[in-house]
Amino acid sequence: MLRITDARTGRPVDAVPARRGLTRVEAHVPGYDLSALRVMLVADLLVRALEIGGTPVWALLTGDREQAELHAGAAALGIRPFEDRRDVGPGWGESQVVHVVAEGGVAPDGVRVAVAPVETPDLPEGADPAVVRLALLVPPRSTPARLDEAILGEAHDTLVRWRRAVAAWARHASRPVPDKVRGRLRSAWEDDLDVPEVLRVLRWVEESDLPEGARFETYAHADRLLGLELTRDLGSPA
């Protein structure tokens, strides 16, 4: 079961109530900037993790301004659509609300997930959104993120390498995700949405002697959470 640290108390709480009703995830941002997009990215990851576990989710965006820019920037980063919150009441069958907010930000009472800011004011011109997404996934959400050229360059090289590897592994017979690896991935994202640990598991799998088909299925499985389009290059020339 997914447990998340409530920023109000510092204690872990169940993100999914025992009766598994609808969970509302609200991203709270005052306006458009990279820090706001990081808040939305963390909310997107939370939605994905809940859905993988079979929990119905209602994703909402609460913002005071620049809604169009927020939606466009989020879409570019592969963040799935959030509805604009317009004083909505509880959803039918709703049993939990999780607020995702910038550190020090304001949100209504309820479980609160805090996200540290992005310290880089602007992205380099022409930055690949998928590379930006990966770069934002690397540090824990409680750590400020930087998106300078060195960090983006490392993320670019990793993404290119992984996509090529996945395309190559896909040419081999499929094998199931090993139970140990599946357990490590699930434990990571159910333990306070520990995405950096998910990435560490993928790096271990990349360097392991697991069958190619099992490595392919592992990356495809993890990408349901990461949203990096790791299978994008399937069918491309070797």
C-alpha atoms as a PDB file:
ATOM      1  CA  MET A   1       0.000   0.000   0.000  1.00  0.00           C
ATOM      2  CA  LEU A   2       1.301   3.432  -0.948  1.00  0.00           C
ATOM      3  CA  ARG A   3       2.348   5.494   2.064  1.00  0.00           C
ATOM      4  CA  ILE A   4       3.245   9.151   1.765  1.00  0.00           C
ATOM      5  CA  THR A   5       4.865  11.561   4.216  1.00  0.00           C
ATOM      6  CA  ASP A   6       2.374  14.202   5.332  1.00  0.00           C
ATOM      7  CA  ALA A   7       4.308  17.488   5.264  1.00  0.00           C
ATOM      8  CA  ARG A   8       2.119  18.899   8.051  1.00  0.00           C
ATOM      9  CA  THR A   9       3.132  16.270  10.589  1.00  0.00           C
ATOM     10  CA  GLY A  10       6.240  14.641   9.089  1.00  0.00           C
ATOM     11  CA  ARG A  11       4.588  11.266   9.566  1.00  0.00           C
ATOM     12  CA  PRO A  12       3.778   8.641   6.938  1.00  0.00           C
ATOM     13  CA  VAL A  13       0.102   8.099   6.152  1.00  0.00           C
ATOM     14  CA  ASP A  14      -1.778   5.776   3.841  1.00  0.00           C
ATOM     15  CA  ALA A  15      -2.421   7.461   0.506  1.00  0.00           C
ATOM     16  CA  VAL A  16      -5.236   4.988  -0.048  1.00  0.00           C
ATOM     17  CA  PRO A  17      -7.933   4.486   2.601  1.00  0.00           C
ATOM     18  CA  ALA A  18      -8.740   0.932   3.535  1.00  0.00           C
ATOM     19  CA  ARG A  19     -12.024   0.974   1.633  1.00  0.00           C
ATOM     20  CA  ARG A  20     -10.210   2.070  -1.539  1.00  0.00           C
ATOM     21  CA  GLY A  21     -12.595   4.840  -2.493  1.00  0.00           C
ATOM     22  CA  LEU A  22     -11.810   7.641  -4.907  1.00  0.00           C
ATOM     23  CA  THR A  23      -8.651   9.599  -4.075  1.00  0.00           C
ATOM     24  CA  ARG A  24      -8.533  13.247  -5.101  1.00  0.00           C
ATOM     25  CA  VAL A  25      -5.061  14.599  -5.929  1.00  0.00           C
ATOM     26  CA  GLU A  26      -4.869  18.400  -6.036  1.00  0.00           C
ATOM     27  CA  ALA A  27      -1.807  20.243  -7.352  1.00  0.00           C
ATOM     28  CA  HIS A  28      -1.609  23.750  -5.883  1.00  0.00           C
ATOM     29  CA  VAL A  29       0.436  26.320  -7.822  1.00  0.00           C
ATOM     30  CA  PRO A  30       0.125  30.122  -7.822  1.00  0.00           C
ATOM     31  CA  GLY A  31       1.312  30.589 -11.403  1.00  0.00           C
ATOM     32  CA  TYR A  32       3.593  29.331 -14.137  1.00  0.00           C
ATOM     33  CA  ASP A  33       7.280  28.627 -13.543  1.00  0.00           C
ATOM     34  CA  LEU A  34       9.578  25.595 -13.348  1.00  0.00           C
ATOM     35  CA  SER A  35       8.845  25.068  -9.659  1.00  0.00           C
ATOM     36  CA  ALA A  36       5.116  24.945 -10.420  1.00  0.00           C
ATOM     37  CA  LEU A  37       5.742  22.355 -13.116  1.00  0.00           C
ATOM     38  CA  ARG A  38       7.723  20.276 -10.614  1.00  0.00           C
ATOM     39  CA  VAL A  39       4.726  20.340  -8.264  1.00  0.00           C
ATOM     40  CA  MET A  40       2.532  19.127 -11.114  1.00  0.00           C
ATOM     41  CA  LEU A  41       5.066  16.437 -12.006  1.00  0.00           C
ATOM     42  CA  VAL A  42       5.039  15.061  -8.452  1.00  0.00           C
ATOM     43  CA  ALA A  43       1.236  15.097  -8.528  1.00  0.00           C
ATOM     44  CA  ASP A  44       1.354  13.210 -11.842  1.00  0.00           C
ATOM     45  CA  LEU A  45       3.651  10.575 -10.329  1.00  0.00           C
ATOM     46  CA  LEU A  46       1.301  10.208  -7.373  1.00  0.00           C
ATOM     47  CA  VAL A  47      -1.661   9.728  -9.705  1.00  0.00           C
ATOM     48  CA  ARG A  48       0.244   7.122 -11.710  1.00  0.00           C
ATOM     49  CA  ALA A  49       1.312   5.209  -8.593  1.00  0.00           C
ATOM     50  CA  LEU A  50      -2.245   5.144  -7.274  1.00  0.00           C
ATOM     51  CA  GLU A  51      -3.615   3.968 -10.609  1.00  0.00           C
ATOM     52  CA  ILE A  52      -1.016   1.198 -10.851  1.00  0.00           C
ATOM     53  CA  GLY A  53      -2.337   0.001  -7.499  1.00  0.00           C
ATOM     54  CA  GLY A  54      -5.907   0.020  -8.805  1.00  0.00           C
ATOM     55  CA  THR A  55      -7.100   3.158  -6.997  1.00  0.00           C
ATOM     56  CA  PRO A  56      -9.483   5.491  -8.846  1.00  0.00           C
ATOM     57  CA  VAL A  57      -8.060   9.015  -8.916  1.00  0.00           C
ATOM     58  CA  TRP A  58      -9.431  12.480  -9.644  1.00  0.00           C
ATOM     59  CA  ALA A  59      -6.618  14.908 -10.559  1.00  0.00           C
ATOM     60  CA  LEU A  60      -7.230  18.641 -10.111  1.00  0.00           C
ATOM     61  CA  LEU A  61      -5.149  21.769 -10.649  1.00  0.00           C
ATOM     62  CA  THR A  62      -5.586  24.745  -8.343  1.00  0.00           C
ATOM     63  CA  GLY A  63      -3.922  27.869  -9.706  1.00  0.00           C
ATOM     64  CA  ASP A  64      -4.545  31.595  -9.464  1.00  0.00           C
ATOM     65  CA  ARG A  65      -3.185  32.580 -12.872  1.00  0.00           C
ATOM     66  CA  GLU A  66      -1.491  31.442 -16.094  1.00  0.00           C
ATOM     67  CA  GLN A  67      -3.631  28.321 -16.332  1.00  0.00           C
ATOM     68  CA  ALA A  68      -3.100  27.973 -20.085  1.00  0.00           C
ATOM     69  CA  GLU A  69       0.686  28.153 -19.675  1.00  0.00           C
ATOM     70  CA  LEU A  70       0.566  25.607 -16.849  1.00  0.00           C
ATOM     71  CA  HIS A  71      -1.464  23.141 -18.900  1.00  0.00           C
ATOM     72  CA  ALA A  72       0.772  23.587 -21.953  1.00  0.00           C
ATOM     73  CA  GLY A  73       3.981  23.223 -19.948  1.00  0.00           C
ATOM     74  CA  ALA A  74       2.648  20.168 -18.168  1.00  0.00           C
ATOM     75  CA  ALA A  75       1.593  18.512 -21.413  1.00  0.00           C
ATOM     76  CA  ALA A  76       5.062  19.070 -22.858  1.00  0.00           C
ATOM     77  CA  LEU A  77       6.570  17.254 -19.863  1.00  0.00           C
ATOM     78  CA  GLY A  78       4.278  14.267 -20.335  1.00  0.00           C
ATOM     79  CA  ILE A  79       2.087  15.184 -17.361  1.00  0.00           C
ATOM     80  CA  ARG A  80      -1.386  13.862 -17.967  1.00  0.00           C
ATOM     81  CA  PRO A  81      -4.254  16.386 -17.952  1.00  0.00           C
ATOM     82  CA  PHE A  82      -5.513  17.860 -14.683  1.00  0.00           C
ATOM     83  CA  GLU A  83      -8.942  19.393 -14.399  1.00  0.00           C
ATOM     84  CA  ASP A  84      -9.097  23.004 -13.297  1.00  0.00           C
ATOM     85  CA  ARG A  85     -10.492  23.227  -9.797  1.00  0.00           C
ATOM     86  CA  ARG A  86     -13.452  25.558  -9.660  1.00  0.00           C
ATOM     87  CA  ASP A  87     -14.766  25.204  -6.131  1.00  0.00           C
ATOM     88  CA  VAL A  88     -15.721  21.595  -6.693  1.00  0.00           C
ATOM     89  CA  GLY A  89     -17.247  19.604  -3.884  1.00  0.00           C
ATOM     90  CA  PRO A  90     -16.293  16.071  -2.909  1.00  0.00           C
ATOM     91  CA  GLY A  91     -16.247  13.558  -5.723  1.00  0.00           C
ATOM     92  CA  TRP A  92     -18.688  10.671  -5.717  1.00  0.00           C
ATOM     93  CA  GLY A  93     -17.255   7.984  -3.453  1.00  0.00           C
ATOM     94  CA  GLU A  94     -14.331  10.211  -2.456  1.00  0.00           C
ATOM     95  CA  SER A  95     -12.511   8.984   0.640  1.00  0.00           C
ATOM     96  CA  GLN A  96      -9.149  10.753   0.527  1.00  0.00           C
ATOM     97  CA  VAL A  97      -7.691  14.103  -0.615  1.00  0.00           C
ATOM     98  CA  VAL A  98      -3.959  14.599  -1.107  1.00  0.00           C
ATOM     99  CA  HIS A  99      -2.666  18.137  -1.697  1.00  0.00           C
ATOM    100  CA  VAL A 100       0.618  18.534  -3.600  1.00  0.00           C
ATOM    101  CA  VAL A 101       2.129  21.938  -2.903  1.00  0.00           C
ATOM    102  CA  ALA A 102       5.428  23.821  -3.075  1.00  0.00           C
ATOM    103  CA  GLU A 103       7.420  23.958   0.152  1.00  0.00           C
ATOM    104  CA  GLY A 104       5.891  26.683   2.294  1.00  0.00           C
ATOM    105  CA  GLY A 105       2.853  26.875   0.033  1.00  0.00           C
ATOM    106  CA  VAL A 106      -0.745  27.117   1.157  1.00  0.00           C
ATOM    107  CA  ALA A 107      -3.226  24.271   0.849  1.00  0.00           C
ATOM    108  CA  PRO A 108      -6.461  23.265   2.582  1.00  0.00           C
ATOM    109  CA  ASP A 109      -6.480  20.864   5.498  1.00  0.00           C
ATOM    110  CA  GLY A 110      -5.661  17.316   4.566  1.00  0.00           C
ATOM    111  CA  VAL A 111      -2.684  15.185   3.634  1.00  0.00           C
ATOM    112  CA  ARG A 112      -0.032  17.444   2.153  1.00  0.00           C
ATOM    113  CA  VAL A 113       2.934  16.524  -0.077  1.00  0.00           C
ATOM    114  CA  ALA A 114       5.612  19.237  -0.168  1.00  0.00           C
ATOM    115  CA  VAL A 115       7.858  19.761  -3.191  1.00  0.00           C
ATOM    116  CA  ALA A 116      11.151  21.675  -3.132  1.00  0.00           C
ATOM    117  CA  PRO A 117      11.696  24.377  -5.764  1.00  0.00           C
ATOM    118  CA  VAL A 118      13.622  24.340  -9.019  1.00  0.00           C
ATOM    119  CA  GLU A 119      16.544  26.699  -8.540  1.00  0.00           C
ATOM    120  CA  THR A 120      17.229  27.232 -12.246  1.00  0.00           C
ATOM    121  CA  PRO A 121      15.235  30.250 -13.479  1.00  0.00           C
ATOM    122  CA  ASP A 122      15.141  29.294 -17.152  1.00  0.00           C
ATOM    123  CA  LEU A 123      15.768  26.252 -19.296  1.00  0.00           C
ATOM    124  CA  PRO A 124      18.359  26.303 -22.073  1.00  0.00           C
ATOM    125  CA  GLU A 125      16.711  27.057 -25.380  1.00  0.00           C
ATOM    126  CA  GLY A 126      15.511  23.917 -27.148  1.00  0.00           C
ATOM    127  CA  ALA A 127      15.691  21.653 -24.100  1.00  0.00           C
ATOM    128  CA  ASP A 128      14.000  18.289 -24.736  1.00  0.00           C
ATOM    129  CA  PRO A 129      10.954  18.018 -22.419  1.00  0.00           C
ATOM    130  CA  ALA A 130      11.573  14.298 -21.838  1.00  0.00           C
ATOM    131  CA  VAL A 131      15.121  15.100 -20.723  1.00  0.00           C
ATOM    132  CA  VAL A 132      13.774  17.806 -18.402  1.00  0.00           C
ATOM    133  CA  ARG A 133      11.303  15.302 -16.925  1.00  0.00           C
ATOM    134  CA  LEU A 134      14.075  12.797 -16.210  1.00  0.00           C
ATOM    135  CA  ALA A 135      16.307  15.501 -14.717  1.00  0.00           C
ATOM    136  CA  LEU A 136      13.487  16.495 -12.371  1.00  0.00           C
ATOM    137  CA  LEU A 137      12.948  12.866 -11.340  1.00  0.00           C
ATOM    138  CA  VAL A 138      16.532  12.295 -10.219  1.00  0.00           C
ATOM    139  CA  PRO A 139      16.635  14.316  -6.958  1.00  0.00           C
ATOM    140  CA  PRO A 140      14.226  13.532  -4.107  1.00  0.00           C
ATOM    141  CA  ARG A 141      11.238  15.857  -4.159  1.00  0.00           C
ATOM    142  CA  SER A 142      12.404  17.338  -0.836  1.00  0.00           C
ATOM    143  CA  THR A 143      15.671  18.489  -2.451  1.00  0.00           C
ATOM    144  CA  PRO A 144      15.869  21.625  -4.616  1.00  0.00           C
ATOM    145  CA  ALA A 145      16.422  20.759  -8.267  1.00  0.00           C
ATOM    146  CA  ARG A 146      18.798  22.368 -10.741  1.00  0.00           C
ATOM    147  CA  LEU A 147      18.488  22.112 -14.510  1.00  0.00           C
ATOM    148  CA  ASP A 148      21.824  23.423 -15.711  1.00  0.00           C
ATOM    149  CA  GLU A 149      23.513  22.208 -18.885  1.00  0.00           C
ATOM    150  CA  ALA A 150      25.576  19.545 -17.097  1.00  0.00           C
ATOM    151  CA  ILE A 151      22.548  17.984 -15.393  1.00  0.00           C
ATOM    152  CA  LEU A 152      20.462  18.113 -18.544  1.00  0.00           C
ATOM    153  CA  GLY A 153      23.344  16.643 -20.527  1.00  0.00           C
ATOM    154  CA  GLU A 154      23.596  13.683 -18.157  1.00  0.00           C
ATOM    155  CA  ALA A 155      19.827  13.154 -18.300  1.00  0.00           C
ATOM    156  CA  HIS A 156      19.936  13.316 -22.106  1.00  0.00           C
ATOM    157  CA  ASP A 157      22.690  10.683 -22.308  1.00  0.00           C
ATOM    158  CA  THR A 158      20.836   8.396 -19.885  1.00  0.00           C
ATOM    159  CA  LEU A 159      17.547   8.697 -21.757  1.00  0.00           C
ATOM    160  CA  VAL A 160      19.154   8.020 -25.150  1.00  0.00           C
ATOM    161  CA  ARG A 161      21.032   5.017 -23.761  1.00  0.00           C
ATOM    162  CA  TRP A 162      17.978   3.536 -22.072  1.00  0.00           C
ATOM    163  CA  ARG A 163      15.738   3.946 -25.098  1.00  0.00           C
ATOM    164  CA  ARG A 164      18.315   2.288 -27.342  1.00  0.00           C
ATOM    165  CA  ALA A 165      18.774  -0.537 -24.854  1.00  0.00           C
ATOM    166  CA  VAL A 166      15.027  -1.104 -24.530  1.00  0.00           C
ATOM    167  CA  ALA A 167      14.682  -1.230 -28.333  1.00  0.00           C
ATOM    168  CA  ALA A 168      17.505  -3.789 -28.501  1.00  0.00           C
ATOM    169  CA  TRP A 169      16.115  -5.907 -25.646  1.00  0.00           C
ATOM    170  CA  ALA A 170      12.717  -5.951 -27.357  1.00  0.00           C
ATOM    171  CA  ARG A 171      14.210  -8.011 -30.194  1.00  0.00           C
ATOM    172  CA  HIS A 172      14.628 -10.939 -27.792  1.00  0.00           C
ATOM    173  CA  ALA A 173      11.996 -13.299 -26.425  1.00  0.00           C
ATOM    174  CA  SER A 174       9.917 -11.687 -23.708  1.00  0.00           C
ATOM    175  CA  ARG A 175      10.555 -12.811 -20.146  1.00  0.00           C
ATOM    176  CA  PRO A 176       8.586 -11.822 -17.039  1.00  0.00           C
ATOM    177  CA  VAL A 177       9.847  -9.170 -14.661  1.00  0.00           C
ATOM    178  CA  PRO A 178      11.725 -11.136 -11.963  1.00  0.00           C
ATOM    179  CA  ASP A 179       9.776 -11.203  -8.706  1.00  0.00           C
ATOM    180  CA  LYS A 180      12.701  -9.692  -6.797  1.00  0.00           C
ATOM    181  CA  VAL A 181      12.968  -6.765  -9.200  1.00  0.00           C
ATOM    182  CA  ARG A 182       9.214  -6.204  -9.309  1.00  0.00           C
ATOM    183  CA  GLY A 183       9.200  -6.187  -5.517  1.00  0.00           C
ATOM    184  CA  ARG A 184      12.029  -3.641  -5.361  1.00  0.00           C
ATOM    185  CA  LEU A 185      10.225  -1.329  -7.767  1.00  0.00           C
ATOM    186  CA  ARG A 186       6.920  -1.613  -5.960  1.00  0.00           C
ATOM    187  CA  SER A 187       8.552  -1.114  -2.574  1.00  0.00           C
ATOM    188  CA  ALA A 188      10.272   2.014  -3.879  1.00  0.00           C
ATOM    189  CA  TRP A 189       7.242   3.815  -5.231  1.00  0.00           C
ATOM    190  CA  GLU A 190       5.009   2.698  -2.372  1.00  0.00           C
ATOM    191  CA  ASP A 191       7.564   4.018   0.158  1.00  0.00           C
ATOM    192  CA  ASP A 192       6.817   7.738  -0.003  1.00  0.00           C
ATOM    193  CA  LEU A 193       6.969   7.733  -3.814  1.00  0.00           C
ATOM    194  CA  ASP A 194      10.726   7.126  -3.851  1.00  0.00           C
ATOM    195  CA  VAL A 195      11.359   7.744  -7.553  1.00  0.00           C
ATOM    196  CA  PRO A 196      15.161   8.086  -7.181  1.00  0.00           C
ATOM    197  CA  GLU A 197      15.200   4.502  -5.875  1.00  0.00           C
ATOM    198  CA  VAL A 198      13.164   3.380  -8.907  1.00  0.00           C
ATOM    199  CA  LEU A 199      15.860   4.926 -11.115  1.00  0.00           C
ATOM    200  CA  ARG A 200      18.574   3.144  -9.119  1.00  0.00           C
ATOM    201  CA  VAL A 201      16.803  -0.173  -9.685  1.00  0.00           C
ATOM    202  CA  LEU A 202      16.744   0.497 -13.432  1.00  0.00           C
ATOM    203  CA  ARG A 203      20.467   1.281 -13.426  1.00  0.00           C
ATOM    204  CA  TRP A 204      21.094  -2.021 -11.626  1.00  0.00           C
ATOM    205  CA  VAL A 205      18.952  -3.902 -14.161  1.00  0.00           C
ATOM    206  CA  GLU A 206      20.789  -2.210 -17.036  1.00  0.00           C
ATOM    207  CA  GLU A 207      24.130  -3.540 -15.785  1.00  0.00           C
ATOM    208  CA  SER A 208      22.835  -6.939 -14.657  1.00  0.00           C
ATOM    209  CA  ASP A 209      23.003 -10.299 -16.407  1.00  0.00           C
ATOM    210  CA  LEU A 210      19.228 -10.695 -16.461  1.00  0.00           C
ATOM    211  CA  PRO A 211      17.831 -11.991 -19.763  1.00  0.00           C
ATOM    212  CA  GLU A 212      17.237  -9.242 -22.302  1.00  0.00           C
ATOM    213  CA  GLY A 213      13.506  -9.970 -22.408  1.00  0.00           C
ATOM    214  CA  ALA A 214      13.238  -9.564 -18.649  1.00  0.00           C
ATOM    215  CA  ARG A 215      15.135  -6.278 -18.772  1.00  0.00           C
ATOM    216  CA  PHE A 216      12.753  -5.016 -21.463  1.00  0.00           C
ATOM    217  CA  GLU A 217       9.673  -5.918 -19.432  1.00  0.00           C
ATOM    218  CA  THR A 218      11.188  -4.340 -16.314  1.00  0.00           C
ATOM    219  CA  TYR A 219      11.774  -1.014 -18.048  1.00  0.00           C
ATOM    220  CA  ALA A 220       8.315  -1.069 -19.637  1.00  0.00           C
ATOM    221  CA  HIS A 221       6.771  -1.794 -16.241  1.00  0.00           C
ATOM    222  CA  ALA A 222       8.666   0.990 -14.459  1.00  0.00           C
ATOM    223  CA  ASP A 223       7.802   3.440 -17.225  1.00  0.00           C
ATOM    224  CA  ARG A 224       4.142   3.227 -16.251  1.00  0.00           C
ATOM    225  CA  LEU A 225       5.236   5.363 -13.306  1.00  0.00           C
ATOM    226  CA  LEU A 226       8.103   7.349 -14.823  1.00  0.00           C
ATOM    227  CA  GLY A 227       6.379   8.387 -18.058  1.00  0.00           C
ATOM    228  CA  LEU A 228       9.647   8.690 -20.009  1.00  0.00           C
ATOM    229  CA  GLU A 229       8.502   6.856 -23.169  1.00  0.00           C
ATOM    230  CA  LEU A 230      11.295   4.338 -22.753  1.00  0.00           C
ATOM    231  CA  THR A 231       9.752   2.092 -25.425  1.00  0.00           C
ATOM    232  CA  ARG A 232       9.556   4.928 -27.977  1.00  0.00           C
ATOM    233  CA  ASP A 233      12.340   3.579 -30.215  1.00  0.00           C
ATOM    234  CA  LEU A 234      10.919   0.069 -30.648  1.00  0.00           C
ATOM    235  CA  GLY A 235      11.267  -0.993 -34.269  1.00  0.00           C
ATOM    236  CA  SER A 236      13.961   1.550 -35.067  1.00  0.00           C
ATOM    237  CA  PRO A 237      17.069   0.341 -36.910  1.00  0.00           C
ATOM    238  CA  ALA A 238      19.719  -1.222 -34.678  1.00  0.00           C
END
